[in-house]
Amino acid sequence: MRRHPLLLLGLLVLPTFAPADPLPTMDDLKALHAAADWPNLLAGASKALALHGGPLSKDYRRPTLWNYKAEALLHSGQMSIAADAFVGVAAEPDATPPERDLALANTMLLRLSTPNGYKPNLARPDNQWPVYDVIDPARRADARAALLANELADLSPRVAAMVKGPLRPDPLLKLLKKVVDHQPLERAVAGSSEKFDNLEKDLTQSFVDRIDEWHDASLPILRKLEALARQPDTSGATASDTPGQPPRRGLTQTEQSQVRRILDEAATHGHEKGDLSAAGSEIGRAVLKGAEGSIKAIYDRGHAVLTLGQVPRKGPRKPGRDG
């Protein structure tokens, strides 16, 4: 059989493939970091992070990989992506608490900085704040300390004003989230989050205090309506709902609406408390437990009064009962 010359040529010329680049080890990446070889560090860390869940991933510590990637990105001028990479450190289950705090503090710092560095934004007599370097890890600590002082000076009076003012759940929730977000920064700088913890306690306690005030104002109303509902009916408009017992007056539609309004408030306050608990830390959640009893007491009392106020009627309602 005669073979075509081109076919023979194709059989003789075999494709060749370049060997795949070997994966860097943790020691390789550590050496790249020490040598400030940012392009190769970025490439190597990214390649290792892509092994997430694979059989080779056990050879790597992912919080360290994310940190290498963040530093490489930052030194390559990609500040916003570097901030996201620091979030990756904090998201890893095996990251230590100090690692998480430092990573989140770096994220906050970078998001409030420019390529030139971090500059506090609070008023100063000479308006001559220094610009703090955020690129060099050794000098970045000074920038984090300046950021902490700036944020404390900004948030402390805002918390004080919120605590003294009327209950405004939505602004309170937003401020609480901001306070909690700053706790890692303080821990990274000062070793504890005492000042921001106290701000969180102040905010959550102010909510509990307002709920107690609402409870104390609502309870007498429910007691009064309950007493009205228990009064005997002398108009003949109601039938007894208990054999052998005289009929009760019950509550008019207007009075029942009062109870429902209080029940709606209780439900709303319960949702508000849940939102604050979800946004807060363990410190805030412990304080907010003080509101549970007040909300539940009014909710349960309101339902009992509403049930008591709904009695069977004889025929059409007589005029004046809703007055």
C-alpha atoms as a PDB file:
ATOM      1  CA  MET A   1       0.000   0.000   0.000  1.00  0.00           C
ATOM      2  CA  ARG A   2       1.407   3.404  -1.001  1.00  0.00           C
ATOM      3  CA  ARG A   3       1.557   5.952   1.856  1.00  0.00           C
ATOM      4  CA  HIS A   4       1.164   9.647   1.274  1.00  0.00           C
ATOM      5  CA  PRO A   5       4.432  11.549   1.957  1.00  0.00           C
ATOM      6  CA  LEU A   6       2.720  14.156   4.156  1.00  0.00           C
ATOM      7  CA  LEU A   7       1.213  11.422   6.318  1.00  0.00           C
ATOM      8  CA  LEU A   8       4.676   9.902   6.830  1.00  0.00           C
ATOM      9  CA  LEU A   9       6.041  13.306   7.753  1.00  0.00           C
ATOM     10  CA  GLY A  10       3.289  13.768  10.306  1.00  0.00           C
ATOM     11  CA  LEU A  11       4.131  10.441  11.890  1.00  0.00           C
ATOM     12  CA  LEU A  12       7.789  11.326  12.160  1.00  0.00           C
ATOM     13  CA  VAL A  13       7.335  14.826  13.636  1.00  0.00           C
ATOM     14  CA  LEU A  14       5.988  14.297  17.166  1.00  0.00           C
ATOM     15  CA  PRO A  15       4.704  17.220  19.291  1.00  0.00           C
ATOM     16  CA  THR A  16       6.839  18.275  22.218  1.00  0.00           C
ATOM     17  CA  PHE A  17       5.604  19.937  25.422  1.00  0.00           C
ATOM     18  CA  ALA A  18       7.501  22.126  27.828  1.00  0.00           C
ATOM     19  CA  PRO A  19       7.484  20.702  31.351  1.00  0.00           C
ATOM     20  CA  ALA A  20       5.052  22.439  33.677  1.00  0.00           C
ATOM     21  CA  ASP A  21       6.563  24.926  36.076  1.00  0.00           C
ATOM     22  CA  PRO A  22       7.082  23.187  39.425  1.00  0.00           C
ATOM     23  CA  LEU A  23       4.999  24.371  42.341  1.00  0.00           C
ATOM     24  CA  PRO A  24       6.961  26.495  44.786  1.00  0.00           C
ATOM     25  CA  THR A  25       7.309  25.189  48.296  1.00  0.00           C
ATOM     26  CA  MET A  26       6.598  27.246  51.396  1.00  0.00           C
ATOM     27  CA  ASP A  27      10.347  27.629  51.819  1.00  0.00           C
ATOM     28  CA  ASP A  28      10.610  28.894  48.230  1.00  0.00           C
ATOM     29  CA  LEU A  29       7.903  31.485  48.879  1.00  0.00           C
ATOM     30  CA  LYS A  30       9.525  32.529  52.139  1.00  0.00           C
ATOM     31  CA  ALA A  31      12.784  33.117  50.276  1.00  0.00           C
ATOM     32  CA  LEU A  32      11.013  35.128  47.564  1.00  0.00           C
ATOM     33  CA  HIS A  33       9.399  37.262  50.269  1.00  0.00           C
ATOM     34  CA  ALA A  34      12.721  37.849  52.009  1.00  0.00           C
ATOM     35  CA  ALA A  35      14.296  38.801  48.674  1.00  0.00           C
ATOM     36  CA  ALA A  36      11.418  41.181  47.865  1.00  0.00           C
ATOM     37  CA  ASP A  37      10.881  39.337  44.568  1.00  0.00           C
ATOM     38  CA  TRP A  38       7.285  40.519  44.351  1.00  0.00           C
ATOM     39  CA  PRO A  39       6.359  39.316  40.813  1.00  0.00           C
ATOM     40  CA  ASN A  40       7.508  35.745  41.454  1.00  0.00           C
ATOM     41  CA  LEU A  41       6.061  35.779  44.965  1.00  0.00           C
ATOM     42  CA  LEU A  42       2.681  36.859  43.575  1.00  0.00           C
ATOM     43  CA  ALA A  43       2.771  34.175  40.898  1.00  0.00           C
ATOM     44  CA  GLY A  44       3.857  31.453  43.304  1.00  0.00           C
ATOM     45  CA  ALA A  45       1.399  32.317  46.068  1.00  0.00           C
ATOM     46  CA  SER A  46      -1.476  32.555  43.583  1.00  0.00           C
ATOM     47  CA  LYS A  47      -0.584  29.159  42.119  1.00  0.00           C
ATOM     48  CA  ALA A  48      -0.461  27.560  45.570  1.00  0.00           C
ATOM     49  CA  LEU A  49      -3.780  29.150  46.609  1.00  0.00           C
ATOM     50  CA  ALA A  50      -5.402  27.618  43.519  1.00  0.00           C
ATOM     51  CA  LEU A  51      -4.772  24.168  45.033  1.00  0.00           C
ATOM     52  CA  HIS A  52      -7.477  24.750  47.635  1.00  0.00           C
ATOM     53  CA  GLY A  53      -8.948  21.367  48.528  1.00  0.00           C
ATOM     54  CA  GLY A  54      -6.582  19.440  46.246  1.00  0.00           C
ATOM     55  CA  PRO A  55      -4.221  16.682  47.414  1.00  0.00           C
ATOM     56  CA  LEU A  56      -1.204  18.975  47.177  1.00  0.00           C
ATOM     57  CA  SER A  57      -2.756  21.736  49.287  1.00  0.00           C
ATOM     58  CA  LYS A  58      -1.752  20.010  52.534  1.00  0.00           C
ATOM     59  CA  ASP A  59       1.803  21.186  51.949  1.00  0.00           C
ATOM     60  CA  TYR A  60       0.786  24.840  52.298  1.00  0.00           C
ATOM     61  CA  ARG A  61      -0.517  27.079  55.046  1.00  0.00           C
ATOM     62  CA  ARG A  62      -3.197  29.199  53.422  1.00  0.00           C
ATOM     63  CA  PRO A  63      -3.204  32.220  55.796  1.00  0.00           C
ATOM     64  CA  THR A  64       0.517  32.635  55.033  1.00  0.00           C
ATOM     65  CA  LEU A  65      -0.127  32.274  51.293  1.00  0.00           C
ATOM     66  CA  TRP A  66      -2.770  35.008  51.413  1.00  0.00           C
ATOM     67  CA  ASN A  67      -0.402  37.238  53.341  1.00  0.00           C
ATOM     68  CA  TYR A  68       2.358  36.681  50.764  1.00  0.00           C
ATOM     69  CA  LYS A  69      -0.085  37.486  47.982  1.00  0.00           C
ATOM     70  CA  ALA A  70      -1.299  40.642  49.742  1.00  0.00           C
ATOM     71  CA  GLU A  71       2.238  41.910  50.306  1.00  0.00           C
ATOM     72  CA  ALA A  72       3.214  41.175  46.702  1.00  0.00           C
ATOM     73  CA  LEU A  73       0.156  42.991  45.393  1.00  0.00           C
ATOM     74  CA  LEU A  74       0.757  45.958  47.685  1.00  0.00           C
ATOM     75  CA  HIS A  75       4.379  46.293  46.620  1.00  0.00           C
ATOM     76  CA  SER A  76       3.250  46.028  43.008  1.00  0.00           C
ATOM     77  CA  GLY A  77       0.993  49.071  43.358  1.00  0.00           C
ATOM     78  CA  GLN A  78      -2.317  47.148  43.480  1.00  0.00           C
ATOM     79  CA  MET A  79      -3.564  48.532  46.792  1.00  0.00           C
ATOM     80  CA  SER A  80      -7.290  47.742  46.525  1.00  0.00           C
ATOM     81  CA  ILE A  81      -6.658  44.126  45.479  1.00  0.00           C
ATOM     82  CA  ALA A  82      -4.085  43.799  48.255  1.00  0.00           C
ATOM     83  CA  ALA A  83      -6.738  44.907  50.764  1.00  0.00           C
ATOM     84  CA  ASP A  84      -9.005  42.112  49.512  1.00  0.00           C
ATOM     85  CA  ALA A  85      -6.165  39.605  49.818  1.00  0.00           C
ATOM     86  CA  PHE A  86      -5.689  40.539  53.480  1.00  0.00           C
ATOM     87  CA  VAL A  87      -9.376  39.669  53.958  1.00  0.00           C
ATOM     88  CA  GLY A  88      -8.445  36.239  52.618  1.00  0.00           C
ATOM     89  CA  VAL A  89      -6.056  35.792  55.551  1.00  0.00           C
ATOM     90  CA  ALA A  90      -8.837  36.482  58.057  1.00  0.00           C
ATOM     91  CA  ALA A  91     -11.269  34.161  56.255  1.00  0.00           C
ATOM     92  CA  GLU A  92      -9.111  31.063  56.606  1.00  0.00           C
ATOM     93  CA  PRO A  93     -10.262  28.719  59.423  1.00  0.00           C
ATOM     94  CA  ASP A  94      -6.720  28.016  60.619  1.00  0.00           C
ATOM     95  CA  ALA A  95      -5.715  31.677  60.884  1.00  0.00           C
ATOM     96  CA  THR A  96      -4.837  32.587  64.462  1.00  0.00           C
ATOM     97  CA  PRO A  97      -6.753  35.415  66.197  1.00  0.00           C
ATOM     98  CA  PRO A  98      -3.730  37.769  66.013  1.00  0.00           C
ATOM     99  CA  GLU A  99      -3.357  36.967  62.300  1.00  0.00           C
ATOM    100  CA  ARG A 100      -7.028  37.786  61.689  1.00  0.00           C
ATOM    101  CA  ASP A 101      -6.836  41.032  63.629  1.00  0.00           C
ATOM    102  CA  LEU A 102      -3.692  42.195  61.844  1.00  0.00           C
ATOM    103  CA  ALA A 103      -5.060  41.273  58.431  1.00  0.00           C
ATOM    104  CA  LEU A 104      -8.347  43.114  59.018  1.00  0.00           C
ATOM    105  CA  ALA A 105      -6.454  46.113  60.413  1.00  0.00           C
ATOM    106  CA  ASN A 106      -4.337  46.186  57.256  1.00  0.00           C
ATOM    107  CA  THR A 107      -7.462  45.953  55.108  1.00  0.00           C
ATOM    108  CA  MET A 108      -9.018  48.942  56.866  1.00  0.00           C
ATOM    109  CA  LEU A 109      -5.773  50.898  56.623  1.00  0.00           C
ATOM    110  CA  LEU A 110      -5.353  50.294  52.893  1.00  0.00           C
ATOM    111  CA  ARG A 111      -8.959  51.171  52.120  1.00  0.00           C
ATOM    112  CA  LEU A 112      -8.496  54.523  53.846  1.00  0.00           C
ATOM    113  CA  SER A 113      -5.131  55.255  52.237  1.00  0.00           C
ATOM    114  CA  THR A 114      -3.823  56.500  48.913  1.00  0.00           C
ATOM    115  CA  PRO A 115      -0.715  55.266  47.088  1.00  0.00           C
ATOM    116  CA  ASN A 116       1.119  58.047  48.925  1.00  0.00           C
ATOM    117  CA  GLY A 117       0.157  56.621  52.330  1.00  0.00           C
ATOM    118  CA  TYR A 118      -2.342  57.205  55.134  1.00  0.00           C
ATOM    119  CA  LYS A 119      -3.182  60.693  56.364  1.00  0.00           C
ATOM    120  CA  PRO A 120      -5.560  61.274  59.329  1.00  0.00           C
ATOM    121  CA  ASN A 121      -8.601  63.343  58.421  1.00  0.00           C
ATOM    122  CA  LEU A 122      -9.536  64.887  61.769  1.00  0.00           C
ATOM    123  CA  ALA A 123      -9.166  68.623  62.311  1.00  0.00           C
ATOM    124  CA  ARG A 124      -5.837  69.820  63.665  1.00  0.00           C
ATOM    125  CA  PRO A 125      -4.821  73.421  64.467  1.00  0.00           C
ATOM    126  CA  ASP A 126      -1.955  73.491  61.997  1.00  0.00           C
ATOM    127  CA  ASN A 127      -3.630  71.034  59.583  1.00  0.00           C
ATOM    128  CA  GLN A 128      -0.222  69.415  59.170  1.00  0.00           C
ATOM    129  CA  TRP A 129      -0.827  65.727  59.666  1.00  0.00           C
ATOM    130  CA  PRO A 130       2.060  63.561  58.491  1.00  0.00           C
ATOM    131  CA  VAL A 131       1.509  61.008  55.745  1.00  0.00           C
ATOM    132  CA  TYR A 132       2.228  57.511  57.058  1.00  0.00           C
ATOM    133  CA  ASP A 133       3.841  54.885  54.851  1.00  0.00           C
ATOM    134  CA  VAL A 134       1.624  51.815  54.358  1.00  0.00           C
ATOM    135  CA  ILE A 135       3.878  49.858  51.995  1.00  0.00           C
ATOM    136  CA  ASP A 136       6.800  49.020  54.261  1.00  0.00           C
ATOM    137  CA  PRO A 137       5.561  46.490  56.876  1.00  0.00           C
ATOM    138  CA  ALA A 138       7.928  47.909  59.517  1.00  0.00           C
ATOM    139  CA  ARG A 139       6.561  51.449  59.098  1.00  0.00           C
ATOM    140  CA  ARG A 140       2.992  50.286  58.574  1.00  0.00           C
ATOM    141  CA  ALA A 141       2.624  49.804  62.327  1.00  0.00           C
ATOM    142  CA  ASP A 142       2.856  53.586  62.820  1.00  0.00           C
ATOM    143  CA  ALA A 143       0.125  54.046  60.223  1.00  0.00           C
ATOM    144  CA  ARG A 144      -2.150  51.591  62.020  1.00  0.00           C
ATOM    145  CA  ALA A 145      -1.600  53.412  65.321  1.00  0.00           C
ATOM    146  CA  ALA A 146      -2.446  56.745  63.691  1.00  0.00           C
ATOM    147  CA  LEU A 147      -5.561  55.207  62.135  1.00  0.00           C
ATOM    148  CA  LEU A 148      -6.687  53.889  65.527  1.00  0.00           C
ATOM    149  CA  ALA A 149      -6.299  57.305  67.167  1.00  0.00           C
ATOM    150  CA  ASN A 150      -8.154  58.956  64.293  1.00  0.00           C
ATOM    151  CA  GLU A 151     -11.071  56.505  64.359  1.00  0.00           C
ATOM    152  CA  LEU A 152     -11.446  56.624  68.144  1.00  0.00           C
ATOM    153  CA  ALA A 153     -11.575  60.418  68.049  1.00  0.00           C
ATOM    154  CA  ASP A 154     -14.207  60.241  65.307  1.00  0.00           C
ATOM    155  CA  LEU A 155     -16.459  57.503  66.694  1.00  0.00           C
ATOM    156  CA  SER A 156     -16.431  58.237  70.434  1.00  0.00           C
ATOM    157  CA  PRO A 157     -18.491  61.480  70.233  1.00  0.00           C
ATOM    158  CA  ARG A 158     -20.842  59.882  67.718  1.00  0.00           C
ATOM    159  CA  VAL A 159     -21.554  57.036  70.133  1.00  0.00           C
ATOM    160  CA  ALA A 160     -22.067  59.518  72.989  1.00  0.00           C
ATOM    161  CA  ALA A 161     -24.602  61.471  70.921  1.00  0.00           C
ATOM    162  CA  MET A 162     -26.436  58.296  69.929  1.00  0.00           C
ATOM    163  CA  VAL A 163     -26.647  57.122  73.538  1.00  0.00           C
ATOM    164  CA  LYS A 164     -28.128  60.423  74.728  1.00  0.00           C
ATOM    165  CA  GLY A 165     -30.591  60.840  71.867  1.00  0.00           C
ATOM    166  CA  PRO A 166     -33.891  59.096  71.098  1.00  0.00           C
ATOM    167  CA  LEU A 167     -33.979  55.469  70.021  1.00  0.00           C
ATOM    168  CA  ARG A 168     -33.186  55.312  66.296  1.00  0.00           C
ATOM    169  CA  PRO A 169     -32.614  51.630  65.512  1.00  0.00           C
ATOM    170  CA  ASP A 170     -31.286  51.954  61.947  1.00  0.00           C
ATOM    171  CA  PRO A 171     -28.594  54.571  62.711  1.00  0.00           C
ATOM    172  CA  LEU A 172     -27.750  52.707  65.913  1.00  0.00           C
ATOM    173  CA  LEU A 173     -27.278  49.477  63.935  1.00  0.00           C
ATOM    174  CA  LYS A 174     -25.001  51.169  61.398  1.00  0.00           C
ATOM    175  CA  LEU A 175     -22.898  52.757  64.129  1.00  0.00           C
ATOM    176  CA  LEU A 176     -22.692  49.465  66.023  1.00  0.00           C
ATOM    177  CA  LYS A 177     -21.378  47.688  62.916  1.00  0.00           C
ATOM    178  CA  LYS A 178     -18.752  50.384  62.501  1.00  0.00           C
ATOM    179  CA  VAL A 179     -17.640  50.081  66.123  1.00  0.00           C
ATOM    180  CA  VAL A 180     -17.377  46.284  65.901  1.00  0.00           C
ATOM    181  CA  ASP A 181     -15.430  46.528  62.640  1.00  0.00           C
ATOM    182  CA  HIS A 182     -12.803  48.608  64.478  1.00  0.00           C
ATOM    183  CA  GLN A 183     -12.219  46.095  67.286  1.00  0.00           C
ATOM    184  CA  PRO A 184      -9.616  44.081  65.274  1.00  0.00           C
ATOM    185  CA  LEU A 185      -7.719  47.312  64.560  1.00  0.00           C
ATOM    186  CA  GLU A 186      -7.461  48.138  68.252  1.00  0.00           C
ATOM    187  CA  ARG A 187      -6.410  44.588  69.133  1.00  0.00           C
ATOM    188  CA  ALA A 188      -3.729  44.658  66.425  1.00  0.00           C
ATOM    189  CA  VAL A 189      -2.352  47.964  67.705  1.00  0.00           C
ATOM    190  CA  ALA A 190      -2.933  47.827  71.469  1.00  0.00           C
ATOM    191  CA  GLY A 191      -3.295  44.128  72.220  1.00  0.00           C
ATOM    192  CA  SER A 192      -6.927  44.475  73.341  1.00  0.00           C
ATOM    193  CA  SER A 193     -10.096  46.153  72.084  1.00  0.00           C
ATOM    194  CA  GLU A 194     -11.082  47.685  75.423  1.00  0.00           C
ATOM    195  CA  LYS A 195     -12.052  51.120  74.102  1.00  0.00           C
ATOM    196  CA  PHE A 196     -14.154  49.883  71.204  1.00  0.00           C
ATOM    197  CA  ASP A 197     -15.615  47.166  73.447  1.00  0.00           C
ATOM    198  CA  ASN A 198     -16.799  49.903  75.804  1.00  0.00           C
ATOM    199  CA  LEU A 199     -18.320  51.827  72.898  1.00  0.00           C
ATOM    200  CA  GLU A 200     -20.206  48.686  71.885  1.00  0.00           C
ATOM    201  CA  LYS A 201     -21.433  48.226  75.454  1.00  0.00           C
ATOM    202  CA  ASP A 202     -22.640  51.833  75.535  1.00  0.00           C
ATOM    203  CA  LEU A 203     -24.596  51.432  72.301  1.00  0.00           C
ATOM    204  CA  THR A 204     -26.209  48.121  73.190  1.00  0.00           C
ATOM    205  CA  GLN A 205     -27.010  49.242  76.743  1.00  0.00           C
ATOM    206  CA  SER A 206     -28.717  52.344  75.348  1.00  0.00           C
ATOM    207  CA  PHE A 207     -31.008  50.054  73.334  1.00  0.00           C
ATOM    208  CA  VAL A 208     -31.770  47.964  76.426  1.00  0.00           C
ATOM    209  CA  ASP A 209     -32.537  51.109  78.436  1.00  0.00           C
ATOM    210  CA  ARG A 210     -34.957  52.367  75.759  1.00  0.00           C
ATOM    211  CA  ILE A 211     -36.670  48.974  75.672  1.00  0.00           C
ATOM    212  CA  ASP A 212     -37.080  49.091  79.444  1.00  0.00           C
ATOM    213  CA  GLU A 213     -38.658  52.548  79.122  1.00  0.00           C
ATOM    214  CA  TRP A 214     -41.028  51.252  76.442  1.00  0.00           C
ATOM    215  CA  HIS A 215     -41.896  48.267  78.644  1.00  0.00           C
ATOM    216  CA  ASP A 216     -42.638  50.525  81.619  1.00  0.00           C
ATOM    217  CA  ALA A 217     -44.866  52.751  79.467  1.00  0.00           C
ATOM    218  CA  SER A 218     -46.713  49.868  77.776  1.00  0.00           C
ATOM    219  CA  LEU A 219     -47.406  47.723  80.823  1.00  0.00           C
ATOM    220  CA  PRO A 220     -49.865  50.139  82.539  1.00  0.00           C
ATOM    221  CA  ILE A 221     -51.822  50.442  79.277  1.00  0.00           C
ATOM    222  CA  LEU A 222     -52.166  46.677  79.014  1.00  0.00           C
ATOM    223  CA  ARG A 223     -53.140  46.410  82.668  1.00  0.00           C
ATOM    224  CA  LYS A 224     -55.854  49.018  82.188  1.00  0.00           C
ATOM    225  CA  LEU A 225     -57.197  47.272  79.076  1.00  0.00           C
ATOM    226  CA  GLU A 226     -57.099  43.935  80.859  1.00  0.00           C
ATOM    227  CA  ALA A 227     -59.158  45.365  83.724  1.00  0.00           C
ATOM    228  CA  LEU A 228     -61.687  46.729  81.231  1.00  0.00           C
ATOM    229  CA  ALA A 229     -61.927  43.387  79.458  1.00  0.00           C
ATOM    230  CA  ARG A 230     -62.645  41.614  82.750  1.00  0.00           C
ATOM    231  CA  GLN A 231     -65.461  43.944  83.777  1.00  0.00           C
ATOM    232  CA  PRO A 232     -68.944  42.358  83.734  1.00  0.00           C
ATOM    233  CA  ASP A 233     -71.069  43.369  80.772  1.00  0.00           C
ATOM    234  CA  THR A 234     -74.217  45.192  81.911  1.00  0.00           C
ATOM    235  CA  SER A 235     -75.353  46.156  78.419  1.00  0.00           C
ATOM    236  CA  GLY A 236     -76.474  42.667  77.433  1.00  0.00           C
ATOM    237  CA  ALA A 237     -74.429  42.875  74.228  1.00  0.00           C
ATOM    238  CA  THR A 238     -72.107  39.955  75.039  1.00  0.00           C
ATOM    239  CA  ALA A 239     -72.606  36.297  75.801  1.00  0.00           C
ATOM    240  CA  SER A 240     -70.649  34.392  78.419  1.00  0.00           C
ATOM    241  CA  ASP A 241     -67.737  32.411  77.020  1.00  0.00           C
ATOM    242  CA  THR A 242     -67.551  30.358  80.231  1.00  0.00           C
ATOM    243  CA  PRO A 243     -70.591  28.293  81.371  1.00  0.00           C
ATOM    244  CA  GLY A 244     -71.921  29.443  84.709  1.00  0.00           C
ATOM    245  CA  GLN A 245     -70.031  32.740  84.590  1.00  0.00           C
ATOM    246  CA  PRO A 246     -71.524  36.160  83.824  1.00  0.00           C
ATOM    247  CA  PRO A 247     -70.573  37.668  80.457  1.00  0.00           C
ATOM    248  CA  ARG A 248     -67.504  39.899  80.336  1.00  0.00           C
ATOM    249  CA  ARG A 249     -67.360  43.303  78.742  1.00  0.00           C
ATOM    250  CA  GLY A 250     -64.390  42.456  76.536  1.00  0.00           C
ATOM    251  CA  LEU A 251     -62.696  45.174  74.495  1.00  0.00           C
ATOM    252  CA  THR A 252     -64.033  47.457  71.838  1.00  0.00           C
ATOM    253  CA  GLN A 253     -62.425  47.495  68.392  1.00  0.00           C
ATOM    254  CA  THR A 254     -60.567  50.680  69.305  1.00  0.00           C
ATOM    255  CA  GLU A 255     -59.224  49.109  72.482  1.00  0.00           C
ATOM    256  CA  GLN A 256     -58.195  45.966  70.624  1.00  0.00           C
ATOM    257  CA  SER A 257     -56.330  48.176  68.161  1.00  0.00           C
ATOM    258  CA  GLN A 258     -54.386  49.648  71.078  1.00  0.00           C
ATOM    259  CA  VAL A 259     -53.292  46.166  72.091  1.00  0.00           C
ATOM    260  CA  ARG A 260     -52.331  45.259  68.526  1.00  0.00           C
ATOM    261  CA  ARG A 261     -50.274  48.422  68.234  1.00  0.00           C
ATOM    262  CA  ILE A 262     -48.297  47.424  71.339  1.00  0.00           C
ATOM    263  CA  LEU A 263     -47.880  43.898  69.967  1.00  0.00           C
ATOM    264  CA  ASP A 264     -46.558  45.340  66.697  1.00  0.00           C
ATOM    265  CA  GLU A 265     -44.078  47.421  68.686  1.00  0.00           C
ATOM    266  CA  ALA A 266     -42.972  44.311  70.574  1.00  0.00           C
ATOM    267  CA  ALA A 267     -42.425  42.416  67.315  1.00  0.00           C
ATOM    268  CA  THR A 268     -40.498  45.346  65.840  1.00  0.00           C
ATOM    269  CA  HIS A 269     -38.292  45.658  68.904  1.00  0.00           C
ATOM    270  CA  GLY A 270     -37.659  41.910  68.777  1.00  0.00           C
ATOM    271  CA  HIS A 271     -36.430  42.192  65.184  1.00  0.00           C
ATOM    272  CA  GLU A 272     -34.291  45.207  66.096  1.00  0.00           C
ATOM    273  CA  LYS A 273     -32.725  43.300  68.956  1.00  0.00           C
ATOM    274  CA  GLY A 274     -32.018  40.379  66.602  1.00  0.00           C
ATOM    275  CA  ASP A 275     -30.335  42.651  64.056  1.00  0.00           C
ATOM    276  CA  LEU A 276     -28.165  44.231  66.749  1.00  0.00           C
ATOM    277  CA  SER A 277     -27.206  40.817  68.125  1.00  0.00           C
ATOM    278  CA  ALA A 278     -26.207  39.615  64.659  1.00  0.00           C
ATOM    279  CA  ALA A 279     -24.073  42.707  64.069  1.00  0.00           C
ATOM    280  CA  GLY A 280     -22.428  42.795  67.483  1.00  0.00           C
ATOM    281  CA  SER A 281     -19.717  40.776  69.158  1.00  0.00           C
ATOM    282  CA  GLU A 282     -20.160  38.455  72.120  1.00  0.00           C
ATOM    283  CA  ILE A 283     -19.840  41.521  74.344  1.00  0.00           C
ATOM    284  CA  GLY A 284     -22.799  43.245  72.733  1.00  0.00           C
ATOM    285  CA  ARG A 285     -24.910  40.098  72.597  1.00  0.00           C
ATOM    286  CA  ALA A 286     -24.434  39.599  76.329  1.00  0.00           C
ATOM    287  CA  VAL A 287     -25.711  43.130  77.005  1.00  0.00           C
ATOM    288  CA  LEU A 288     -28.656  42.765  74.622  1.00  0.00           C
ATOM    289  CA  LYS A 289     -29.962  39.747  76.515  1.00  0.00           C
ATOM    290  CA  GLY A 290     -31.236  42.296  79.020  1.00  0.00           C
ATOM    291  CA  ALA A 291     -33.888  43.372  76.506  1.00  0.00           C
ATOM    292  CA  GLU A 292     -35.288  39.890  75.909  1.00  0.00           C
ATOM    293  CA  GLY A 293     -37.321  39.724  79.108  1.00  0.00           C
ATOM    294  CA  SER A 294     -38.948  43.126  78.623  1.00  0.00           C
ATOM    295  CA  ILE A 295     -39.938  42.427  75.018  1.00  0.00           C
ATOM    296  CA  LYS A 296     -41.264  38.948  75.802  1.00  0.00           C
ATOM    297  CA  ALA A 297     -43.205  40.144  78.856  1.00  0.00           C
ATOM    298  CA  ILE A 298     -45.093  42.765  76.823  1.00  0.00           C
ATOM    299  CA  TYR A 299     -45.597  40.390  73.899  1.00  0.00           C
ATOM    300  CA  ASP A 300     -47.058  37.640  76.102  1.00  0.00           C
ATOM    301  CA  ARG A 301     -49.165  40.070  78.160  1.00  0.00           C
ATOM    302  CA  GLY A 302     -50.496  41.711  75.019  1.00  0.00           C
ATOM    303  CA  HIS A 303     -51.630  38.424  73.495  1.00  0.00           C
ATOM    304  CA  ALA A 304     -53.322  37.427  76.753  1.00  0.00           C
ATOM    305  CA  VAL A 305     -55.187  40.754  76.928  1.00  0.00           C
ATOM    306  CA  LEU A 306     -56.195  40.518  73.276  1.00  0.00           C
ATOM    307  CA  THR A 307     -57.580  37.011  73.799  1.00  0.00           C
ATOM    308  CA  LEU A 308     -59.425  38.160  76.919  1.00  0.00           C
ATOM    309  CA  GLY A 309     -60.902  41.112  75.070  1.00  0.00           C
ATOM    310  CA  GLN A 310     -62.449  39.057  72.283  1.00  0.00           C
ATOM    311  CA  VAL A 311     -65.816  37.876  73.615  1.00  0.00           C
ATOM    312  CA  PRO A 312     -68.910  36.551  71.808  1.00  0.00           C
ATOM    313  CA  ARG A 313     -71.475  39.220  70.908  1.00  0.00           C
ATOM    314  CA  LYS A 314     -75.271  39.106  70.887  1.00  0.00           C
ATOM    315  CA  GLY A 315     -76.446  40.613  67.616  1.00  0.00           C
ATOM    316  CA  PRO A 316     -75.258  43.983  66.316  1.00  0.00           C
ATOM    317  CA  ARG A 317     -72.989  46.125  68.457  1.00  0.00           C
ATOM    318  CA  LYS A 318     -74.790  48.858  70.336  1.00  0.00           C
ATOM    319  CA  PRO A 319     -73.900  52.446  69.497  1.00  0.00           C
ATOM    320  CA  GLY A 320     -71.182  54.067  71.573  1.00  0.00           C
ATOM    321  CA  ARG A 321     -69.203  50.922  72.388  1.00  0.00           C
ATOM    322  CA  ASP A 322     -66.195  52.172  70.358  1.00  0.00           C
ATOM    323  CA  GLY A 323     -66.305  55.629  71.816  1.00  0.00           C
END
